[in-house]
C-alpha cells in the first residue's frame, strides 16, 4: 500500500505540482522583469518608477514563496520517506 501511495504522490508531483510551480515561477519572473523595464524606461517619472519598484518587489516575493513551497514539498516528502521531487525525473 505504501508503494501505491508513493507512486501516486510521485505522479501527482511530477505531472501536476511541478508544472504549476514552473508556471508560477515564470510568471513571477516576468513580473520582476516588467518592473525592471518600467523602472529603467520611465526613470524620469516618479510615479512610474514607484510602479516599477512595486512590480520588482512583488516579483521577488513571488519567487521566494514559490521556491520556498518547492523546498517545503521536498522536505515533507523526505520526512515521510517518500521519493523527493528531484529523484522522480531521473
N, C-alpha and C. Protein backbone atom coordinates (compact mmCIF):
# COMPACT_ATOMS: atom_id res chain seq x y z
N UNK A 1 0.82 -1.19 0.00
CA UNK A 1 0.00 0.00 0.00
C UNK A 1 0.87 1.26 0.00
N UNK A 2 1.98 1.24 0.74
CA UNK A 2 2.87 2.40 0.76
C UNK A 2 3.49 2.63 -0.60
N UNK A 3 3.78 1.54 -1.34
CA UNK A 3 4.32 1.70 -2.69
C UNK A 3 3.31 2.36 -3.62
N UNK A 4 2.05 1.99 -3.47
CA UNK A 4 0.99 2.59 -4.29
C UNK A 4 0.86 4.08 -3.98
N UNK A 5 0.88 4.42 -2.70
CA UNK A 5 0.81 5.82 -2.30
C UNK A 5 2.01 6.59 -2.81
N UNK A 6 3.19 6.00 -2.68
CA UNK A 6 4.41 6.64 -3.16
C UNK A 6 4.35 6.88 -4.66
N UNK A 7 3.89 5.90 -5.41
CA UNK A 7 3.77 6.04 -6.86
C UNK A 7 2.74 7.10 -7.22
N UNK A 8 1.61 7.09 -6.54
CA UNK A 8 0.55 8.08 -6.81
C UNK A 8 1.04 9.49 -6.52
N UNK A 9 1.64 9.70 -5.35
CA UNK A 9 2.13 11.03 -5.00
C UNK A 9 3.24 11.47 -5.94
N UNK A 10 4.08 10.54 -6.33
CA UNK A 10 5.15 10.87 -7.28
C UNK A 10 4.60 11.35 -8.60
N UNK A 11 3.57 10.66 -9.09
CA UNK A 11 2.96 11.06 -10.36
C UNK A 11 2.23 12.39 -10.23
N UNK A 12 1.55 12.61 -9.11
CA UNK A 12 0.87 13.89 -8.89
C UNK A 12 1.88 15.02 -8.89
N UNK A 13 2.99 14.82 -8.22
CA UNK A 13 4.00 15.87 -8.14
C UNK A 13 4.62 16.13 -9.51
N UNK A 14 4.98 15.08 -10.21
CA UNK A 14 5.64 15.25 -11.50
C UNK A 14 4.69 15.81 -12.55
N UNK A 15 3.46 15.35 -12.57
CA UNK A 15 2.52 15.74 -13.62
C UNK A 15 1.71 17.00 -13.33
N UNK A 16 1.50 17.32 -12.04
CA UNK A 16 0.64 18.46 -11.71
C UNK A 16 1.40 19.56 -10.96
N UNK A 17 2.01 19.21 -9.84
CA UNK A 17 2.63 20.22 -8.98
C UNK A 17 3.83 20.89 -9.64
N UNK A 18 4.74 20.10 -10.22
CA UNK A 18 5.92 20.69 -10.85
C UNK A 18 5.58 21.65 -11.99
N UNK A 19 4.66 21.30 -12.90
CA UNK A 19 4.30 22.29 -13.94
C UNK A 19 3.66 23.55 -13.37
N UNK A 20 2.85 23.41 -12.33
CA UNK A 20 2.24 24.59 -11.71
C UNK A 20 3.32 25.48 -11.09
N UNK A 21 4.27 24.87 -10.38
CA UNK A 21 5.36 25.64 -9.78
C UNK A 21 6.18 26.33 -10.87
N UNK A 22 6.46 25.63 -11.95
CA UNK A 22 7.21 26.22 -13.05
C UNK A 22 6.45 27.39 -13.67
N UNK A 23 5.16 27.24 -13.88
CA UNK A 23 4.34 28.31 -14.45
C UNK A 23 4.31 29.53 -13.53
N UNK A 24 4.12 29.30 -12.24
CA UNK A 24 4.09 30.42 -11.29
C UNK A 24 5.45 31.10 -11.18
N UNK A 25 6.53 30.32 -11.21
CA UNK A 25 7.87 30.91 -11.16
C UNK A 25 8.13 31.75 -12.41
N UNK A 26 7.72 31.25 -13.56
CA UNK A 26 7.89 32.02 -14.80
C UNK A 26 7.07 33.31 -14.74
N UNK A 27 5.86 33.23 -14.21
CA UNK A 27 5.02 34.43 -14.09
C UNK A 27 5.65 35.45 -13.15
N UNK A 28 6.15 35.00 -12.03
CA UNK A 28 6.80 35.92 -11.08
C UNK A 28 8.04 36.54 -11.70
N UNK A 29 8.77 35.77 -12.49
CA UNK A 29 9.96 36.30 -13.15
C UNK A 29 9.59 37.36 -14.19
N UNK A 30 8.51 37.12 -14.92
CA UNK A 30 8.04 38.10 -15.91
C UNK A 30 7.61 39.39 -15.21
N UNK A 31 6.92 39.27 -14.08
CA UNK A 31 6.53 40.46 -13.31
C UNK A 31 7.77 41.22 -12.86
N UNK A 32 8.77 40.49 -12.38
CA UNK A 32 10.03 41.12 -11.96
C UNK A 32 10.68 41.85 -13.13
N UNK A 33 10.79 41.19 -14.28
CA UNK A 33 11.40 41.83 -15.45
C UNK A 33 10.60 43.04 -15.93
N UNK A 34 9.27 42.94 -15.88
CA UNK A 34 8.44 44.08 -16.26
C UNK A 34 8.69 45.27 -15.33
N UNK A 35 8.85 44.99 -14.05
CA UNK A 35 9.14 46.06 -13.10
C UNK A 35 10.49 46.70 -13.38
N UNK A 36 11.49 45.90 -13.69
CA UNK A 36 12.81 46.44 -14.04
C UNK A 36 12.70 47.30 -15.29
N UNK A 37 11.98 46.80 -16.29
CA UNK A 37 11.79 47.55 -17.52
C UNK A 37 11.11 48.89 -17.24
N UNK A 38 10.04 48.89 -16.46
CA UNK A 38 9.34 50.13 -16.12
C UNK A 38 10.25 51.07 -15.34
N UNK A 39 10.97 50.54 -14.39
CA UNK A 39 11.83 51.35 -13.54
C UNK A 39 12.91 52.06 -14.36
N UNK A 40 13.49 51.36 -15.33
CA UNK A 40 14.56 51.94 -16.13
C UNK A 40 14.01 52.81 -17.25
N UNK A 41 12.98 52.32 -17.96
CA UNK A 41 12.46 53.01 -19.13
C UNK A 41 11.84 54.36 -18.76
N UNK A 42 11.15 54.42 -17.63
CA UNK A 42 10.48 55.66 -17.24
C UNK A 42 11.11 56.24 -15.98
N UNK A 43 12.43 56.35 -16.02
CA UNK A 43 13.18 56.81 -14.85
C UNK A 43 12.87 58.27 -14.49
N UNK A 44 12.40 59.04 -15.45
CA UNK A 44 12.10 60.44 -15.18
C UNK A 44 10.78 60.66 -14.46
N UNK A 45 9.90 59.70 -14.49
CA UNK A 45 8.58 59.83 -13.89
C UNK A 45 8.57 59.09 -12.54
N UNK A 46 8.37 59.86 -11.47
CA UNK A 46 8.42 59.26 -10.12
C UNK A 46 7.31 58.23 -9.91
N UNK A 47 6.14 58.47 -10.44
CA UNK A 47 5.03 57.53 -10.29
C UNK A 47 5.30 56.21 -11.00
N UNK A 48 5.84 56.30 -12.21
CA UNK A 48 6.16 55.08 -12.96
C UNK A 48 7.31 54.32 -12.29
N UNK A 49 8.26 55.05 -11.73
CA UNK A 49 9.36 54.39 -11.01
C UNK A 49 8.82 53.64 -9.80
N UNK A 50 7.88 54.23 -9.11
CA UNK A 50 7.27 53.58 -7.94
C UNK A 50 6.50 52.32 -8.37
N UNK A 51 5.79 52.41 -9.47
CA UNK A 51 5.07 51.24 -10.00
C UNK A 51 6.06 50.13 -10.37
N UNK A 52 7.15 50.51 -11.01
CA UNK A 52 8.18 49.53 -11.35
C UNK A 52 8.81 48.92 -10.11
N UNK A 53 9.05 49.74 -9.10
CA UNK A 53 9.64 49.24 -7.86
C UNK A 53 8.72 48.24 -7.17
N UNK A 54 7.41 48.53 -7.18
CA UNK A 54 6.45 47.60 -6.59
C UNK A 54 6.39 46.28 -7.36
N UNK A 55 6.47 46.35 -8.68
CA UNK A 55 6.46 45.14 -9.50
C UNK A 55 7.71 44.31 -9.23
N UNK A 56 8.85 44.97 -9.10
CA UNK A 56 10.09 44.26 -8.76
C UNK A 56 9.94 43.57 -7.41
N UNK A 57 9.43 44.29 -6.43
CA UNK A 57 9.26 43.73 -5.09
C UNK A 57 8.33 42.52 -5.11
N UNK A 58 7.17 42.63 -5.75
CA UNK A 58 6.21 41.53 -5.77
C UNK A 58 6.70 40.36 -6.61
N UNK A 59 7.47 40.64 -7.65
CA UNK A 59 8.07 39.56 -8.42
C UNK A 59 9.05 38.76 -7.57
N UNK A 60 9.87 39.47 -6.79
CA UNK A 60 10.81 38.78 -5.91
C UNK A 60 10.09 38.03 -4.79
N UNK A 61 9.05 38.63 -4.22
CA UNK A 61 8.27 37.94 -3.19
C UNK A 61 7.66 36.67 -3.76
N UNK A 62 7.13 36.75 -4.96
CA UNK A 62 6.55 35.59 -5.61
C UNK A 62 7.57 34.48 -5.82
N UNK A 63 8.76 34.84 -6.26
CA UNK A 63 9.81 33.84 -6.47
C UNK A 63 10.22 33.18 -5.16
N UNK A 64 10.34 33.96 -4.11
CA UNK A 64 10.72 33.40 -2.80
C UNK A 64 9.64 32.44 -2.31
N UNK A 65 8.38 32.83 -2.44
CA UNK A 65 7.28 31.96 -1.99
C UNK A 65 7.23 30.67 -2.80
N UNK A 66 7.39 30.78 -4.10
CA UNK A 66 7.30 29.61 -4.97
C UNK A 66 8.44 28.63 -4.69
N UNK A 67 9.66 29.14 -4.62
CA UNK A 67 10.78 28.24 -4.36
C UNK A 67 10.77 27.74 -2.92
N UNK A 68 10.20 28.52 -2.01
CA UNK A 68 10.00 28.03 -0.64
C UNK A 68 9.02 26.88 -0.61
N UNK A 69 7.94 26.99 -1.37
CA UNK A 69 6.97 25.89 -1.44
C UNK A 69 7.61 24.64 -2.03
N UNK A 70 8.43 24.81 -3.04
CA UNK A 70 9.13 23.69 -3.65
C UNK A 70 10.03 23.01 -2.61
N UNK A 71 10.73 23.81 -1.83
CA UNK A 71 11.58 23.26 -0.78
C UNK A 71 10.78 22.55 0.31
N UNK A 72 9.66 23.13 0.70
CA UNK A 72 8.81 22.51 1.73
C UNK A 72 8.26 21.18 1.23
N UNK A 73 7.87 21.11 -0.03
CA UNK A 73 7.39 19.85 -0.59
C UNK A 73 8.48 18.79 -0.52
N UNK A 74 9.70 19.17 -0.90
CA UNK A 74 10.81 18.20 -0.86
C UNK A 74 11.12 17.76 0.57
N UNK A 75 11.08 18.68 1.51
CA UNK A 75 11.34 18.32 2.92
C UNK A 75 10.25 17.40 3.44
N UNK A 76 9.00 17.70 3.12
CA UNK A 76 7.89 16.86 3.58
C UNK A 76 7.99 15.46 2.99
N UNK A 77 8.30 15.37 1.71
CA UNK A 77 8.43 14.06 1.08
C UNK A 77 9.59 13.27 1.68
N UNK A 78 10.69 13.95 1.95
CA UNK A 78 11.84 13.27 2.56
C UNK A 78 11.52 12.83 3.98
N UNK A 79 10.79 13.66 4.72
CA UNK A 79 10.44 13.35 6.09
C UNK A 79 9.56 12.10 6.18
N UNK A 80 8.61 11.98 5.26
CA UNK A 80 7.71 10.83 5.28
C UNK A 80 8.24 9.67 4.45
N UNK A 81 9.51 9.73 4.10
CA UNK A 81 10.21 8.64 3.41
C UNK A 81 9.60 8.32 2.05
N UNK A 82 9.15 9.36 1.37
CA UNK A 82 8.65 9.23 0.01
C UNK A 82 9.73 9.71 -0.94
N UNK A 83 9.57 9.47 -2.23
CA UNK A 83 10.58 9.87 -3.20
C UNK A 83 10.56 11.38 -3.39
N UNK A 84 11.69 12.07 -3.16
CA UNK A 84 11.74 13.51 -3.39
C UNK A 84 11.51 13.85 -4.86
N UNK A 85 11.09 15.07 -5.11
CA UNK A 85 10.72 15.51 -6.45
C UNK A 85 11.88 15.39 -7.42
N UNK A 86 13.07 15.77 -7.03
CA UNK A 86 14.19 15.78 -7.96
C UNK A 86 14.62 14.37 -8.34
N UNK A 87 14.27 13.33 -7.59
CA UNK A 87 14.65 11.97 -7.92
C UNK A 87 13.64 11.31 -8.86
N UNK A 88 12.46 11.87 -8.98
CA UNK A 88 11.43 11.25 -9.82
C UNK A 88 11.74 11.38 -11.31
N UNK A 89 12.38 12.46 -11.69
CA UNK A 89 12.61 12.69 -13.11
C UNK A 89 13.82 11.92 -13.63
N UNK A 90 14.57 11.28 -12.78
CA UNK A 90 15.77 10.56 -13.21
C UNK A 90 15.45 9.14 -13.56
